[in-house]
Amino acid sequence: MSPLRALRISAGVEAASLAALLLNLLTTHTQAISTLVGPLHGTAYLVVIATTWPVPAAASSGARWLALVPGVGGLLALRRIRSHLRRPRDVNESLTRTAQEE
């Protein structure tokens, strides 16, 4: 499994588990839900940090620091990495188009 795929999965689990915890807190505050979802959220948070660190695009884009934001850090880091990976390709395509037009 690639690090970006693992990051995408763990970021989704992190955000969904935070939403479940907050929904439980605002409604019934059932102890069983907190007991099951709390450790899942914490584990997903740690997996987000661990999978963001070895990605080369994370260092130059600042995604490693975004991964440390609890709850939505994985989604923010994934978005930053994806935009950073797309950027050089767009620059190369625009340079190619410019050269072809001349």
Protein backbone atom coordinates (compact mmCIF):
# COMPACT_ATOMS: atom_id res chain seq x y z
CA MET A 1 0.00 0.00 0.00
CA SER A 2 1.39 3.39 -0.96
CA PRO A 3 1.89 6.07 1.70
CA LEU A 4 -0.62 8.38 -0.01
CA ARG A 5 -3.30 5.68 -0.01
CA ALA A 6 -2.64 4.95 3.67
CA LEU A 7 -2.79 8.68 4.39
CA ARG A 8 -6.08 9.03 2.52
CA ILE A 9 -7.66 6.16 4.47
CA SER A 10 -6.34 7.24 7.87
CA ALA A 11 -7.34 10.88 7.25
CA GLY A 12 -10.88 9.79 6.49
CA VAL A 13 -11.04 7.59 9.57
CA GLU A 14 -9.63 10.41 11.70
CA ALA A 15 -12.23 12.93 10.50
CA ALA A 16 -15.13 10.47 10.68
CA SER A 17 -14.20 9.30 14.18
CA LEU A 18 -13.95 12.90 15.38
CA ALA A 19 -17.40 13.59 13.95
CA ALA A 20 -18.76 10.50 15.71
CA LEU A 21 -17.20 11.54 19.01
CA LEU A 22 -18.58 15.07 18.77
CA LEU A 23 -22.02 13.83 17.74
CA ASN A 24 -22.03 11.45 20.68
CA LEU A 25 -20.97 14.24 23.01
CA LEU A 26 -23.74 16.55 21.79
CA THR A 27 -26.50 13.93 21.88
CA THR A 28 -26.59 10.85 24.11
CA HIS A 29 -23.02 10.79 25.45
CA THR A 30 -22.99 7.00 25.44
CA GLN A 31 -19.96 5.61 27.22
CA ALA A 32 -19.67 2.60 24.89
CA ILE A 33 -19.31 4.84 21.82
CA SER A 34 -16.63 6.92 23.51
CA THR A 35 -14.82 3.79 24.62
CA LEU A 36 -14.75 2.31 21.11
CA VAL A 37 -14.32 5.40 18.93
CA GLY A 38 -11.86 7.29 21.15
CA PRO A 39 -8.93 4.88 20.71
CA LEU A 40 -9.79 4.53 17.01
CA HIS A 41 -9.54 8.29 16.61
CA GLY A 42 -6.24 8.43 18.48
CA THR A 43 -4.77 5.62 16.42
CA ALA A 44 -5.90 7.23 13.17
CA TYR A 45 -4.30 10.50 14.29
CA LEU A 46 -0.97 8.76 14.91
CA VAL A 47 -1.18 6.89 11.60
CA VAL A 48 -1.77 10.21 9.79
CA ILE A 49 1.38 11.65 11.32
CA ALA A 50 3.39 8.49 10.63
CA THR A 51 2.29 8.23 7.00
CA THR A 52 2.78 11.91 6.25
CA TRP A 53 6.37 12.02 7.47
CA PRO A 54 8.08 9.82 4.81
CA VAL A 55 6.32 11.44 1.81
CA PRO A 56 8.91 13.63 0.04
CA ALA A 57 6.30 16.17 -1.10
CA ALA A 58 5.25 16.68 2.52
CA ALA A 59 8.57 18.24 3.50
CA SER A 60 8.62 20.94 0.87
CA SER A 61 4.91 21.75 1.05
CA GLY A 62 4.57 22.05 4.84
CA ALA A 63 2.17 19.12 5.04
CA ARG A 64 4.06 17.57 7.93
CA TRP A 65 3.05 20.43 10.20
CA LEU A 66 -0.55 20.30 9.00
CA ALA A 67 -0.72 16.60 9.88
CA LEU A 68 -0.22 17.54 13.52
CA VAL A 69 -3.57 19.38 13.63
CA PRO A 70 -5.97 17.04 15.47
CA GLY A 71 -9.15 16.01 13.69
CA VAL A 72 -8.68 17.47 10.23
CA GLY A 73 -4.90 17.56 9.92
CA GLY A 74 -4.80 14.48 7.73
CA LEU A 75 -7.23 15.97 5.25
CA LEU A 76 -5.33 19.25 5.19
CA ALA A 77 -1.99 17.49 4.71
CA LEU A 78 -3.39 15.31 1.94
CA ARG A 79 -4.77 18.35 0.16
CA ARG A 80 -1.43 20.16 0.44
CA ILE A 81 0.51 17.14 -0.86
CA ARG A 82 -1.84 16.67 -3.80
CA SER A 83 -1.65 20.31 -4.80
CA HIS A 84 2.14 20.22 -4.48
CA LEU A 85 2.36 17.10 -6.67
CA ARG A 86 0.14 18.67 -9.34
CA ARG A 87 2.03 21.97 -9.44
CA PRO A 88 5.20 20.89 -11.31
CA ARG A 89 3.16 19.05 -13.92
CA ASP A 90 1.08 22.16 -14.59
CA VAL A 91 4.22 24.26 -14.94
CA ASN A 92 5.73 21.75 -17.38
CA GLU A 93 2.54 21.67 -19.45
CA SER A 94 2.38 25.45 -19.65
CA LEU A 95 6.04 25.61 -20.69
CA THR A 96 5.40 22.98 -23.36
CA ARG A 97 2.39 24.90 -24.71
CA THR A 98 4.38 28.13 -24.78
CA ALA A 99 7.23 26.47 -26.67
CA GLN A 100 4.80 24.96 -29.18
CA GLU A 101 3.09 28.30 -29.81
CA GLU A 102 6.41 29.98 -30.67
